[in-house]
Amino acid sequence: MIKKQKQLEPQKQKKPATVVPKIFITAAIAAQMFSLNTGTLANLRSKKQGPKYYHIGRRAYYKLAEFEQWATGNPVITTDSLPSCQCEGACHD
Protein backbone atom coordinates (compact mmCIF):
# COMPACT_ATOMS: atom_id res chain seq x y z
CA MET A 1 0.00 0.00 0.00
CA ILE A 2 1.31 3.39 -0.95
CA LYS A 3 0.59 6.30 1.37
CA LYS A 4 -0.27 9.58 -0.18
CA GLN A 5 1.86 12.45 0.94
CA LYS A 6 0.06 15.48 2.20
CA GLN A 7 0.67 18.56 0.20
CA LEU A 8 2.51 21.13 2.25
CA GLU A 9 0.60 24.33 2.62
CA PRO A 10 2.64 27.48 2.56
CA GLN A 11 2.98 28.78 6.08
CA LYS A 12 1.55 32.14 6.84
CA GLN A 13 4.25 34.57 7.73
CA LYS A 14 3.85 36.00 11.17
CA LYS A 15 4.18 39.70 11.64
CA PRO A 16 7.31 40.58 13.56
CA ALA A 17 6.61 41.49 17.16
CA THR A 18 6.46 45.21 17.79
CA VAL A 19 9.47 46.23 19.79
CA VAL A 20 8.61 49.00 22.23
CA PRO A 21 11.40 50.90 23.99
CA LYS A 22 11.55 50.51 27.76
CA ILE A 23 10.61 54.16 28.34
CA PHE A 24 7.02 53.26 27.40
CA ILE A 25 4.45 51.52 29.59
CA THR A 26 1.16 49.97 28.57
CA ALA A 27 -2.16 51.38 29.71
CA ALA A 28 -2.62 48.34 31.97
CA ILE A 29 0.69 48.95 33.74
CA ALA A 30 -0.01 52.68 34.05
CA ALA A 31 -3.42 51.97 35.53
CA GLN A 32 -1.98 49.45 37.97
CA MET A 33 0.80 51.82 39.10
CA PHE A 34 -1.64 54.59 40.01
CA SER A 35 -4.64 52.48 41.11
CA LEU A 36 -6.72 53.50 38.11
CA ASN A 37 -9.04 51.43 35.97
CA THR A 38 -7.89 50.76 32.41
CA GLY A 39 -11.36 51.85 31.32
CA THR A 40 -10.75 55.26 32.88
CA LEU A 41 -7.64 55.72 30.77
CA ALA A 42 -9.51 54.53 27.67
CA ASN A 43 -12.30 57.06 28.36
CA LEU A 44 -9.76 59.85 28.78
CA ARG A 45 -8.09 58.90 25.50
CA SER A 46 -11.43 58.89 23.67
CA LYS A 47 -12.13 62.41 24.97
CA LYS A 48 -8.61 63.59 24.03
CA GLN A 49 -7.94 64.26 27.73
CA GLY A 50 -5.54 62.88 30.28
CA PRO A 51 -1.87 62.09 29.77
CA LYS A 52 -0.22 62.17 26.37
CA TYR A 53 -0.23 58.72 24.77
CA TYR A 54 1.23 57.03 21.71
CA HIS A 55 -0.19 54.36 19.43
CA ILE A 56 2.36 51.72 18.59
CA GLY A 57 0.74 48.98 16.59
CA ARG A 58 -2.79 48.65 17.94
CA ARG A 59 -1.98 49.49 21.55
CA ALA A 60 -1.79 52.73 23.47
CA TYR A 61 1.43 53.40 25.34
CA TYR A 62 2.51 56.11 27.74
CA LYS A 63 5.97 57.47 28.39
CA LEU A 64 6.56 56.73 32.05
CA ALA A 65 7.98 60.18 32.83
CA GLU A 66 5.07 61.97 31.10
CA PHE A 67 2.49 59.79 32.84
CA GLU A 68 4.05 60.46 36.25
CA GLN A 69 4.17 64.18 35.49
CA TRP A 70 0.46 64.15 34.56
CA ALA A 71 -0.49 62.11 37.63
CA THR A 72 1.39 64.38 40.03
CA GLY A 73 0.89 67.65 38.14
CA ASN A 74 -2.17 68.97 39.98
CA PRO A 75 -1.69 68.49 43.70
CA VAL A 76 -4.40 69.57 46.10
CA ILE A 77 -2.99 72.01 48.64
CA THR A 78 -4.35 71.32 52.10
CA THR A 79 -3.96 73.38 55.24
CA ASP A 80 -1.74 70.69 56.71
CA SER A 81 0.64 70.92 53.75
CA LEU A 82 1.19 74.69 54.15
CA PRO A 83 4.17 75.88 56.16
CA SER A 84 3.21 76.91 59.67
CA CYS A 85 3.13 80.61 60.48
CA GLN A 86 5.62 81.89 63.06
CA CYS A 87 3.75 85.13 63.89
CA GLU A 88 2.14 83.79 67.11
CA GLY A 89 -1.36 84.66 65.86
CA ALA A 90 -0.70 88.33 65.00
CA CYS A 91 -1.51 87.88 61.32
CA HIS A 92 -4.64 85.75 61.87
CA ASP A 93 -6.90 88.38 63.49
C-alpha atoms as a PDB file:
ATOM      1  CA  MET A   1       0.000   0.000   0.000  1.00  0.00           C
ATOM      2  CA  ILE A   2       1.310   3.392  -0.947  1.00  0.00           C
ATOM      3  CA  LYS A   3       0.594   6.296   1.365  1.00  0.00           C
ATOM      4  CA  LYS A   4      -0.273   9.581  -0.183  1.00  0.00           C
ATOM      5  CA  GLN A   5       1.865  12.446   0.936  1.00  0.00           C
ATOM      6  CA  LYS A   6       0.059  15.482   2.202  1.00  0.00           C
ATOM      7  CA  GLN A   7       0.674  18.564   0.204  1.00  0.00           C
ATOM      8  CA  LEU A   8       2.506  21.126   2.254  1.00  0.00           C
ATOM      9  CA  GLU A   9       0.598  24.327   2.622  1.00  0.00           C
ATOM     10  CA  PRO A  10       2.636  27.482   2.561  1.00  0.00           C
ATOM     11  CA  GLN A  11       2.976  28.778   6.081  1.00  0.00           C
ATOM     12  CA  LYS A  12       1.545  32.140   6.844  1.00  0.00           C
ATOM     13  CA  GLN A  13       4.245  34.572   7.726  1.00  0.00           C
ATOM     14  CA  LYS A  14       3.849  35.998  11.175  1.00  0.00           C
ATOM     15  CA  LYS A  15       4.184  39.702  11.643  1.00  0.00           C
ATOM     16  CA  PRO A  16       7.306  40.578  13.557  1.00  0.00           C
ATOM     17  CA  ALA A  17       6.605  41.492  17.157  1.00  0.00           C
ATOM     18  CA  THR A  18       6.456  45.209  17.795  1.00  0.00           C
ATOM     19  CA  VAL A  19       9.470  46.234  19.793  1.00  0.00           C
ATOM     20  CA  VAL A  20       8.606  48.998  22.232  1.00  0.00           C
ATOM     21  CA  PRO A  21      11.397  50.898  23.988  1.00  0.00           C
ATOM     22  CA  LYS A  22      11.551  50.511  27.759  1.00  0.00           C
ATOM     23  CA  ILE A  23      10.615  54.158  28.337  1.00  0.00           C
ATOM     24  CA  PHE A  24       7.020  53.263  27.403  1.00  0.00           C
ATOM     25  CA  ILE A  25       4.453  51.520  29.586  1.00  0.00           C
ATOM     26  CA  THR A  26       1.164  49.975  28.568  1.00  0.00           C
ATOM     27  CA  ALA A  27      -2.161  51.377  29.711  1.00  0.00           C
ATOM     28  CA  ALA A  28      -2.616  48.336  31.968  1.00  0.00           C
ATOM     29  CA  ILE A  29       0.686  48.949  33.736  1.00  0.00           C
ATOM     30  CA  ALA A  30      -0.015  52.684  34.045  1.00  0.00           C
ATOM     31  CA  ALA A  31      -3.425  51.967  35.534  1.00  0.00           C
ATOM     32  CA  GLN A  32      -1.977  49.455  37.973  1.00  0.00           C
ATOM     33  CA  MET A  33       0.802  51.825  39.098  1.00  0.00           C
ATOM     34  CA  PHE A  34      -1.638  54.587  40.011  1.00  0.00           C
ATOM     35  CA  SER A  35      -4.636  52.484  41.110  1.00  0.00           C
ATOM     36  CA  LEU A  36      -6.723  53.504  38.109  1.00  0.00           C
ATOM     37  CA  ASN A  37      -9.043  51.432  35.975  1.00  0.00           C
ATOM     38  CA  THR A  38      -7.886  50.759  32.414  1.00  0.00           C
ATOM     39  CA  GLY A  39     -11.363  51.854  31.317  1.00  0.00           C
ATOM     40  CA  THR A  40     -10.754  55.262  32.881  1.00  0.00           C
ATOM     41  CA  LEU A  41      -7.639  55.722  30.770  1.00  0.00           C
ATOM     42  CA  ALA A  42      -9.513  54.533  27.670  1.00  0.00           C
ATOM     43  CA  ASN A  43     -12.299  57.059  28.358  1.00  0.00           C
ATOM     44  CA  LEU A  44      -9.764  59.852  28.784  1.00  0.00           C
ATOM     45  CA  ARG A  45      -8.089  58.897  25.498  1.00  0.00           C
ATOM     46  CA  SER A  46     -11.427  58.891  23.670  1.00  0.00           C
ATOM     47  CA  LYS A  47     -12.132  62.409  24.966  1.00  0.00           C
ATOM     48  CA  LYS A  48      -8.610  63.590  24.032  1.00  0.00           C
ATOM     49  CA  GLN A  49      -7.941  64.255  27.728  1.00  0.00           C
ATOM     50  CA  GLY A  50      -5.539  62.880  30.281  1.00  0.00           C
ATOM     51  CA  PRO A  51      -1.874  62.090  29.772  1.00  0.00           C
ATOM     52  CA  LYS A  52      -0.223  62.166  26.374  1.00  0.00           C
ATOM     53  CA  TYR A  53      -0.228  58.718  24.766  1.00  0.00           C
ATOM     54  CA  TYR A  54       1.226  57.028  21.710  1.00  0.00           C
ATOM     55  CA  HIS A  55      -0.193  54.356  19.431  1.00  0.00           C
ATOM     56  CA  ILE A  56       2.363  51.719  18.590  1.00  0.00           C
ATOM     57  CA  GLY A  57       0.744  48.983  16.590  1.00  0.00           C
ATOM     58  CA  ARG A  58      -2.788  48.646  17.944  1.00  0.00           C
ATOM     59  CA  ARG A  59      -1.983  49.495  21.550  1.00  0.00           C
ATOM     60  CA  ALA A  60      -1.792  52.733  23.474  1.00  0.00           C
ATOM     61  CA  TYR A  61       1.433  53.397  25.341  1.00  0.00           C
ATOM     62  CA  TYR A  62       2.512  56.111  27.740  1.00  0.00           C
ATOM     63  CA  LYS A  63       5.970  57.465  28.394  1.00  0.00           C
ATOM     64  CA  LEU A  64       6.557  56.733  32.049  1.00  0.00           C
ATOM     65  CA  ALA A  65       7.981  60.184  32.828  1.00  0.00           C
ATOM     66  CA  GLU A  66       5.074  61.970  31.096  1.00  0.00           C
ATOM     67  CA  PHE A  67       2.494  59.789  32.845  1.00  0.00           C
ATOM     68  CA  GLU A  68       4.055  60.461  36.247  1.00  0.00           C
ATOM     69  CA  GLN A  69       4.165  64.183  35.489  1.00  0.00           C
ATOM     70  CA  TRP A  70       0.461  64.145  34.562  1.00  0.00           C
ATOM     71  CA  ALA A  71      -0.488  62.111  37.628  1.00  0.00           C
ATOM     72  CA  THR A  72       1.395  64.378  40.032  1.00  0.00           C
ATOM     73  CA  GLY A  73       0.894  67.645  38.145  1.00  0.00           C
ATOM     74  CA  ASN A  74      -2.172  68.970  39.976  1.00  0.00           C
ATOM     75  CA  PRO A  75      -1.693  68.494  43.701  1.00  0.00           C
ATOM     76  CA  VAL A  76      -4.403  69.567  46.103  1.00  0.00           C
ATOM     77  CA  ILE A  77      -2.986  72.006  48.637  1.00  0.00           C
ATOM     78  CA  THR A  78      -4.354  71.319  52.102  1.00  0.00           C
ATOM     79  CA  THR A  79      -3.958  73.384  55.244  1.00  0.00           C
ATOM     80  CA  ASP A  80      -1.737  70.689  56.715  1.00  0.00           C
ATOM     81  CA  SER A  81       0.642  70.917  53.749  1.00  0.00           C
ATOM     82  CA  LEU A  82       1.187  74.688  54.152  1.00  0.00           C
ATOM     83  CA  PRO A  83       4.172  75.884  56.161  1.00  0.00           C
ATOM     84  CA  SER A  84       3.207  76.912  59.666  1.00  0.00           C
ATOM     85  CA  CYS A  85       3.134  80.610  60.478  1.00  0.00           C
ATOM     86  CA  GLN A  86       5.623  81.892  63.062  1.00  0.00           C
ATOM     87  CA  CYS A  87       3.754  85.126  63.891  1.00  0.00           C
ATOM     88  CA  GLU A  88       2.145  83.794  67.107  1.00  0.00           C
ATOM     89  CA  GLY A  89      -1.358  84.664  65.859  1.00  0.00           C
ATOM     90  CA  ALA A  90      -0.705  88.334  65.001  1.00  0.00           C
ATOM     91  CA  CYS A  91      -1.509  87.880  61.317  1.00  0.00           C
ATOM     92  CA  HIS A  92      -4.640  85.747  61.873  1.00  0.00           C
ATOM     93  CA  ASP A  93      -6.903  88.381  63.489  1.00  0.00           C
END
